[in-house]
Amino acid sequence: MKGINQIRNAKGFTLIELMIVVAIIGILAAIALPAYQDYTKKAKFSEVVTYVGAARSAVELCFQTEADLSVCDAGYRGIPAAVATGDYKNLKTMGIIDGVITAAGTAGVDSANMIATPTIAAGSTTLTWTTTSTTSTSCLTKGWCTANK
C-alpha cells in the first residue's frame, strides 16, 4: 500500500525543475538566434559574391583580349553593365571601372560591400584578385568573403 501512495504523490514537475528548463531554453535562444541571423545574412550575401565572381571572369576575359585593364569597364566586351538599385534582391549596386569591381549589398545584408581589385603579376598575363572594403560594413569584417582568391 505504501508504494501506491508514493506513486500518487509523485505527479508533475517542481517549480525549480521548470525554472531550470526555462533558463536553459533562454540561454540557448540567446546564443542560437544571433548565430542564425548572421548565417542567413551570409547566405543572402552569397548572391553578391556570385555576381562579383561572374564579373571577375568577364574582366579576366577582357584583359586577355585587350591586354589592358584600363578599357575593362562595365558594359564593354561582355563585362556586365552597372547594376542599379532594385535590379536584384540582395545586390544593391555593382560597378566596374578599369577592372575594379565595387559591389554593395542591400539592407538585408547590412549594406555590406565588397571591392575586388585585379593586379597583374610581373611578366605574367594572369590576374590576381584582392578583396578589400572602404567602410566598416565589409564582407571581410563579417567573415562573409575572403581577402584573396
C-alpha atoms as a PDB file:
ATOM      1  CA  MET A   1       0.000   0.000   0.000  1.00  0.00           C
ATOM      2  CA  LYS A   2       2.869   2.325   0.695  1.00  0.00           C
ATOM      3  CA  GLY A   3       4.095   2.029  -2.927  1.00  0.00           C
ATOM      4  CA  ILE A   4       0.744   3.133  -4.361  1.00  0.00           C
ATOM      5  CA  ASN A   5       0.660   6.285  -2.196  1.00  0.00           C
ATOM      6  CA  GLN A   6       4.161   7.236  -3.299  1.00  0.00           C
ATOM      7  CA  ILE A   7       3.171   6.941  -6.971  1.00  0.00           C
ATOM      8  CA  ARG A   8       0.104   9.166  -6.418  1.00  0.00           C
ATOM      9  CA  ASN A   9       2.212  11.855  -4.729  1.00  0.00           C
ATOM     10  CA  ALA A  10       4.896  11.935  -7.434  1.00  0.00           C
ATOM     11  CA  LYS A  11       2.960  13.796 -10.166  1.00  0.00           C
ATOM     12  CA  GLY A  12       4.253  16.656 -12.331  1.00  0.00           C
ATOM     13  CA  PHE A  13       7.362  18.791 -12.062  1.00  0.00           C
ATOM     14  CA  THR A  14       8.537  21.018  -9.283  1.00  0.00           C
ATOM     15  CA  LEU A  15       8.807  24.755  -9.792  1.00  0.00           C
ATOM     16  CA  ILE A  16      12.610  24.658  -9.681  1.00  0.00           C
ATOM     17  CA  GLU A  17      12.730  21.996 -12.421  1.00  0.00           C
ATOM     18  CA  LEU A  18      10.550  24.150 -14.657  1.00  0.00           C
ATOM     19  CA  MET A  19      12.685  27.225 -13.946  1.00  0.00           C
ATOM     20  CA  ILE A  20      15.846  25.325 -14.867  1.00  0.00           C
ATOM     21  CA  VAL A  21      14.314  24.240 -18.193  1.00  0.00           C
ATOM     22  CA  VAL A  22      13.200  27.807 -18.970  1.00  0.00           C
ATOM     23  CA  ALA A  23      16.682  29.129 -18.121  1.00  0.00           C
ATOM     24  CA  ILE A  24      18.350  26.570 -20.402  1.00  0.00           C
ATOM     25  CA  ILE A  25      15.992  27.428 -23.262  1.00  0.00           C
ATOM     26  CA  GLY A  26      16.666  31.150 -22.704  1.00  0.00           C
ATOM     27  CA  ILE A  27      20.432  30.643 -22.828  1.00  0.00           C
ATOM     28  CA  LEU A  28      20.202  28.550 -25.991  1.00  0.00           C
ATOM     29  CA  ALA A  29      17.980  31.159 -27.641  1.00  0.00           C
ATOM     30  CA  ALA A  30      20.361  33.969 -26.690  1.00  0.00           C
ATOM     31  CA  ILE A  31      23.238  32.151 -28.359  1.00  0.00           C
ATOM     32  CA  ALA A  32      21.478  30.496 -31.278  1.00  0.00           C
ATOM     33  CA  LEU A  33      19.353  33.392 -32.546  1.00  0.00           C
ATOM     34  CA  PRO A  34      22.221  35.823 -33.350  1.00  0.00           C
ATOM     35  CA  ALA A  35      24.217  32.999 -34.926  1.00  0.00           C
ATOM     36  CA  TYR A  36      21.230  32.030 -37.074  1.00  0.00           C
ATOM     37  CA  GLN A  37      20.638  35.634 -38.167  1.00  0.00           C
ATOM     38  CA  ASP A  38      24.290  36.003 -39.181  1.00  0.00           C
ATOM     39  CA  TYR A  39      24.105  32.696 -41.044  1.00  0.00           C
ATOM     40  CA  THR A  40      21.056  33.807 -43.047  1.00  0.00           C
ATOM     41  CA  LYS A  41      22.687  37.154 -43.922  1.00  0.00           C
ATOM     42  CA  LYS A  42      25.823  35.324 -45.048  1.00  0.00           C
ATOM     43  CA  ALA A  43      23.679  33.107 -47.255  1.00  0.00           C
ATOM     44  CA  LYS A  44      21.981  36.175 -48.736  1.00  0.00           C
ATOM     45  CA  PHE A  45      25.344  37.885 -49.310  1.00  0.00           C
ATOM     46  CA  SER A  46      26.419  34.900 -51.409  1.00  0.00           C
ATOM     47  CA  GLU A  47      24.316  36.458 -54.186  1.00  0.00           C
ATOM     48  CA  VAL A  48      26.645  39.473 -54.147  1.00  0.00           C
ATOM     49  CA  VAL A  49      29.717  37.205 -54.139  1.00  0.00           C
ATOM     50  CA  THR A  50      28.301  35.239 -57.086  1.00  0.00           C
ATOM     51  CA  TYR A  51      27.743  38.357 -59.195  1.00  0.00           C
ATOM     52  CA  VAL A  52      31.214  39.648 -58.349  1.00  0.00           C
ATOM     53  CA  GLY A  53      32.632  36.258 -59.370  1.00  0.00           C
ATOM     54  CA  ALA A  54      30.873  36.426 -62.728  1.00  0.00           C
ATOM     55  CA  ALA A  55      32.150  39.963 -63.254  1.00  0.00           C
ATOM     56  CA  ARG A  56      35.686  38.834 -62.356  1.00  0.00           C
ATOM     57  CA  SER A  57      35.550  36.181 -65.076  1.00  0.00           C
ATOM     58  CA  ALA A  58      34.381  38.773 -67.602  1.00  0.00           C
ATOM     59  CA  VAL A  59      37.149  41.191 -66.592  1.00  0.00           C
ATOM     60  CA  GLU A  60      39.728  38.396 -66.971  1.00  0.00           C
ATOM     61  CA  LEU A  61      38.445  37.629 -70.478  1.00  0.00           C
ATOM     62  CA  CYS A  62      38.564  41.329 -71.350  1.00  0.00           C
ATOM     63  CA  PHE A  63      42.127  41.571 -70.076  1.00  0.00           C
ATOM     64  CA  GLN A  64      43.189  38.513 -72.068  1.00  0.00           C
ATOM     65  CA  THR A  65      41.683  40.035 -75.209  1.00  0.00           C
ATOM     66  CA  GLU A  66      42.752  43.650 -74.761  1.00  0.00           C
ATOM     67  CA  ALA A  67      45.945  43.225 -72.658  1.00  0.00           C
ATOM     68  CA  ASP A  68      44.921  46.409 -70.842  1.00  0.00           C
ATOM     69  CA  LEU A  69      42.763  46.750 -67.730  1.00  0.00           C
ATOM     70  CA  SER A  70      42.006  50.428 -68.338  1.00  0.00           C
ATOM     71  CA  VAL A  71      39.458  49.557 -71.033  1.00  0.00           C
ATOM     72  CA  CYS A  72      37.739  46.829 -68.999  1.00  0.00           C
ATOM     73  CA  ASP A  73      34.739  48.812 -67.784  1.00  0.00           C
ATOM     74  CA  ALA A  74      31.097  47.881 -67.202  1.00  0.00           C
ATOM     75  CA  GLY A  75      29.294  47.058 -70.450  1.00  0.00           C
ATOM     76  CA  TYR A  76      32.441  46.533 -72.548  1.00  0.00           C
ATOM     77  CA  ARG A  77      33.377  43.195 -74.184  1.00  0.00           C
ATOM     78  CA  GLY A  78      30.897  41.067 -72.247  1.00  0.00           C
ATOM     79  CA  ILE A  79      31.519  42.702 -68.887  1.00  0.00           C
ATOM     80  CA  PRO A  80      28.163  43.078 -67.098  1.00  0.00           C
ATOM     81  CA  ALA A  81      26.618  46.530 -67.172  1.00  0.00           C
ATOM     82  CA  ALA A  82      26.499  48.520 -63.956  1.00  0.00           C
ATOM     83  CA  VAL A  83      23.808  47.304 -61.569  1.00  0.00           C
ATOM     84  CA  ALA A  84      21.322  49.878 -60.350  1.00  0.00           C
ATOM     85  CA  THR A  85      19.340  49.791 -57.120  1.00  0.00           C
ATOM     86  CA  GLY A  86      16.387  47.424 -57.269  1.00  0.00           C
ATOM     87  CA  ASP A  87      17.637  45.152 -60.059  1.00  0.00           C
ATOM     88  CA  TYR A  88      18.453  42.269 -57.702  1.00  0.00           C
ATOM     89  CA  LYS A  89      17.192  41.032 -54.355  1.00  0.00           C
ATOM     90  CA  ASN A  90      20.409  41.330 -52.290  1.00  0.00           C
ATOM     91  CA  LEU A  91      22.747  43.247 -54.626  1.00  0.00           C
ATOM     92  CA  LYS A  92      22.155  46.990 -54.403  1.00  0.00           C
ATOM     93  CA  THR A  93      24.827  48.308 -56.767  1.00  0.00           C
ATOM     94  CA  MET A  94      27.782  46.984 -58.728  1.00  0.00           C
ATOM     95  CA  GLY A  95      30.122  48.959 -60.933  1.00  0.00           C
ATOM     96  CA  ILE A  96      33.264  48.085 -62.856  1.00  0.00           C
ATOM     97  CA  ILE A  97      35.878  50.697 -63.736  1.00  0.00           C
ATOM     98  CA  ASP A  98      39.352  49.765 -65.033  1.00  0.00           C
ATOM     99  CA  GLY A  99      38.679  46.177 -63.985  1.00  0.00           C
ATOM    100  CA  VAL A 100      37.981  47.093 -60.342  1.00  0.00           C
ATOM    101  CA  ILE A 101      34.629  45.680 -59.230  1.00  0.00           C
ATOM    102  CA  THR A 102      32.764  47.546 -56.490  1.00  0.00           C
ATOM    103  CA  ALA A 103      29.609  45.895 -55.144  1.00  0.00           C
ATOM    104  CA  ALA A 104      27.282  46.815 -52.293  1.00  0.00           C
ATOM    105  CA  GLY A 105      24.555  44.727 -50.744  1.00  0.00           C
ATOM    106  CA  THR A 106      21.075  45.792 -49.708  1.00  0.00           C
ATOM    107  CA  ALA A 107      19.907  46.488 -46.174  1.00  0.00           C
ATOM    108  CA  GLY A 108      19.005  42.781 -45.920  1.00  0.00           C
ATOM    109  CA  VAL A 109      22.738  42.034 -45.742  1.00  0.00           C
ATOM    110  CA  ASP A 110      23.598  45.042 -43.559  1.00  0.00           C
ATOM    111  CA  SER A 111      24.623  47.027 -46.680  1.00  0.00           C
ATOM    112  CA  ALA A 112      27.926  45.118 -46.655  1.00  0.00           C
ATOM    113  CA  ASN A 113      30.232  45.894 -49.546  1.00  0.00           C
ATOM    114  CA  MET A 114      32.977  44.168 -51.488  1.00  0.00           C
ATOM    115  CA  ILE A 115      35.698  45.588 -53.739  1.00  0.00           C
ATOM    116  CA  ALA A 116      37.588  43.165 -55.982  1.00  0.00           C
ATOM    117  CA  THR A 117      40.806  44.636 -57.375  1.00  0.00           C
ATOM    118  CA  PRO A 118      42.830  42.873 -60.083  1.00  0.00           C
ATOM    119  CA  THR A 119      46.618  43.081 -60.191  1.00  0.00           C
ATOM    120  CA  ILE A 120      48.911  41.875 -62.911  1.00  0.00           C
ATOM    121  CA  ALA A 121      51.881  39.807 -61.796  1.00  0.00           C
ATOM    122  CA  ALA A 122      55.193  40.925 -63.261  1.00  0.00           C
ATOM    123  CA  GLY A 123      55.889  39.128 -66.520  1.00  0.00           C
ATOM    124  CA  SER A 124      52.539  37.357 -66.407  1.00  0.00           C
ATOM    125  CA  THR A 125      49.274  37.548 -68.287  1.00  0.00           C
ATOM    126  CA  THR A 126      47.133  36.347 -65.405  1.00  0.00           C
ATOM    127  CA  LEU A 127      45.301  38.456 -62.868  1.00  0.00           C
ATOM    128  CA  THR A 128      45.448  38.118 -59.095  1.00  0.00           C
ATOM    129  CA  TRP A 129      42.416  39.345 -57.176  1.00  0.00           C
ATOM    130  CA  THR A 130      42.345  41.080 -53.804  1.00  0.00           C
ATOM    131  CA  THR A 131      39.140  41.795 -51.896  1.00  0.00           C
ATOM    132  CA  THR A 132      39.003  44.988 -49.845  1.00  0.00           C
ATOM    133  CA  SER A 133      36.454  47.412 -48.485  1.00  0.00           C
ATOM    134  CA  THR A 134      36.166  51.107 -47.809  1.00  0.00           C
ATOM    135  CA  THR A 135      33.641  51.013 -44.982  1.00  0.00           C
ATOM    136  CA  SER A 136      33.129  49.275 -41.676  1.00  0.00           C
ATOM    137  CA  THR A 137      30.292  47.194 -43.149  1.00  0.00           C
ATOM    138  CA  SER A 138      32.582  44.944 -45.098  1.00  0.00           C
ATOM    139  CA  CYS A 139      32.134  41.318 -46.028  1.00  0.00           C
ATOM    140  CA  LEU A 140      35.693  40.844 -44.752  1.00  0.00           C
ATOM    141  CA  THR A 141      34.981  42.075 -41.222  1.00  0.00           C
ATOM    142  CA  LYS A 142      31.813  39.994 -41.103  1.00  0.00           C
ATOM    143  CA  GLY A 143      33.582  36.886 -42.440  1.00  0.00           C
ATOM    144  CA  TRP A 144      31.328  36.574 -45.468  1.00  0.00           C
ATOM    145  CA  CYS A 145      34.143  36.679 -48.060  1.00  0.00           C
ATOM    146  CA  THR A 146      37.900  36.121 -48.250  1.00  0.00           C
ATOM    147  CA  ALA A 147      40.629  38.696 -48.865  1.00  0.00           C
ATOM    148  CA  ASN A 148      42.494  36.901 -51.646  1.00  0.00           C
ATOM    149  CA  LYS A 149      41.350  34.475 -54.283  1.00  0.00           C
END
